[in-house]
Amino acid sequence: MTSTLLVVQIALTIAIVIAILLQKSSSIGLGAYSGSNESMFGAKGPAGFLSKATFTLAILFVLNTLVMGYLYNKEKTHSVADTINTSTSVPTATVVESNTSTK
């Protein structure tokens, strides 16, 4: 289930990036490739459609992230710190005393 949601997350990420780059800004971005006939989107052009699509994709992205986080934490019952074996020997620092005396 989490692997399916991960694939959906990657697809949503790519779709959001494309939707943002298609929007008109001070620099043209990928909007230059959308063509000159924008009557398909209505009188205002694609600005309203793309902003609504971006908002919808962003909401889906956040919801998918929350579901993935919930499912991942539900599956994992222990942390990485629980797997540390305490019986392994850890090297300790040795203190070297100096016998230098001032005369």
Protein backbone atom coordinates (compact mmCIF):
# COMPACT_ATOMS: atom_id res chain seq x y z
CA MET A 1 0.00 0.00 0.00
CA THR A 2 2.77 2.44 0.87
CA SER A 3 4.59 1.69 -2.38
CA THR A 4 1.43 2.54 -4.34
CA LEU A 5 1.07 5.79 -2.42
CA LEU A 6 4.72 6.55 -3.08
CA VAL A 7 4.16 6.19 -6.83
CA VAL A 8 1.10 8.47 -6.53
CA GLN A 9 3.23 10.96 -4.59
CA ILE A 10 5.85 11.06 -7.35
CA ALA A 11 3.14 11.52 -10.01
CA LEU A 12 1.57 14.35 -7.98
CA THR A 13 4.96 16.00 -7.61
CA ILE A 14 5.56 15.96 -11.36
CA ALA A 15 2.03 17.22 -12.04
CA ILE A 16 2.42 20.10 -9.58
CA VAL A 17 5.74 21.14 -11.10
CA ILE A 18 4.23 21.13 -14.60
CA ALA A 19 1.14 23.05 -13.46
CA ILE A 20 3.27 25.71 -11.79
CA LEU A 21 5.60 26.06 -14.76
CA LEU A 22 2.68 26.44 -17.17
CA GLN A 23 1.31 29.44 -15.28
CA LYS A 24 2.06 32.89 -16.59
CA SER A 25 4.66 34.78 -14.62
CA SER A 26 7.20 37.54 -15.19
CA SER A 27 9.31 34.98 -17.00
CA ILE A 28 7.47 32.84 -19.51
CA GLY A 29 8.51 29.40 -18.20
CA LEU A 30 6.85 26.49 -19.99
CA GLY A 31 3.83 28.66 -20.81
CA ALA A 32 5.44 29.48 -24.15
CA TYR A 33 4.69 25.95 -25.31
CA SER A 34 0.98 26.03 -24.51
CA GLY A 35 -0.01 27.63 -27.82
CA SER A 36 -1.69 30.88 -28.69
CA ASN A 37 -5.32 29.70 -28.89
CA GLU A 38 -6.50 29.70 -25.27
CA SER A 39 -10.26 29.75 -25.91
CA MET A 40 -10.51 26.21 -24.57
CA PHE A 41 -10.01 27.52 -21.02
CA GLY A 42 -12.53 30.40 -21.27
CA ALA A 43 -12.29 34.16 -21.69
CA LYS A 44 -9.63 34.66 -19.02
CA GLY A 45 -7.33 32.06 -20.52
CA PRO A 46 -5.71 29.24 -18.58
CA ALA A 47 -4.87 31.35 -15.52
CA GLY A 48 -8.01 30.42 -13.57
CA PHE A 49 -7.94 26.79 -14.64
CA LEU A 50 -4.24 26.33 -13.87
CA SER A 51 -4.50 27.99 -10.47
CA LYS A 52 -7.45 25.76 -9.53
CA ALA A 53 -5.61 22.70 -10.85
CA THR A 54 -2.49 23.63 -8.89
CA PHE A 55 -4.53 24.14 -5.72
CA THR A 56 -6.28 20.79 -6.18
CA LEU A 57 -3.00 18.98 -6.84
CA ALA A 58 -1.45 20.62 -3.77
CA ILE A 59 -4.34 19.48 -1.55
CA LEU A 60 -4.03 15.94 -2.92
CA PHE A 61 -0.26 16.06 -2.33
CA VAL A 62 -0.69 17.08 1.32
CA LEU A 63 -3.40 14.48 1.96
CA ASN A 64 -1.30 11.76 0.32
CA THR A 65 1.69 12.78 2.46
CA LEU A 66 -0.39 12.57 5.64
CA VAL A 67 -1.79 9.13 4.72
CA MET A 68 1.70 7.85 3.86
CA GLY A 69 3.06 9.13 7.18
CA TYR A 70 0.22 7.51 9.11
CA LEU A 71 0.59 4.15 7.36
CA TYR A 72 4.38 4.16 7.70
CA ASN A 73 4.22 4.86 11.44
CA LYS A 74 1.50 2.23 11.87
CA GLU A 75 3.67 -0.45 10.21
CA LYS A 76 6.85 0.39 12.10
CA THR A 77 6.53 -0.58 15.75
CA HIS A 78 10.11 0.10 16.76
CA SER A 79 12.68 2.75 16.06
CA VAL A 80 16.24 2.43 14.84
CA ALA A 81 17.47 3.07 18.38
CA ASP A 82 15.68 -0.09 19.54
CA THR A 83 17.80 -2.22 17.22
CA ILE A 84 21.10 -1.12 18.77
CA ASN A 85 22.69 -4.03 20.56
CA THR A 86 23.94 -2.92 23.98
CA SER A 87 26.24 -5.92 24.33
CA THR A 88 28.60 -4.72 21.62
CA SER A 89 31.77 -3.26 22.95
CA VAL A 90 32.20 0.41 22.36
CA PRO A 91 35.76 1.68 22.51
CA THR A 92 36.25 4.08 25.38
CA ALA A 93 38.73 6.88 25.61
CA THR A 94 41.77 6.15 27.73
CA VAL A 95 43.25 8.78 29.95
CA VAL A 96 47.01 9.15 29.69
CA GLU A 97 48.60 10.74 32.71
CA SER A 98 51.64 12.84 32.24
CA ASN A 99 54.50 12.69 34.80
CA THR A 100 56.04 15.95 33.86
CA SER A 101 57.06 17.93 36.87
CA THR A 102 58.37 21.43 36.95
CA LYS A 103 61.77 21.97 38.60
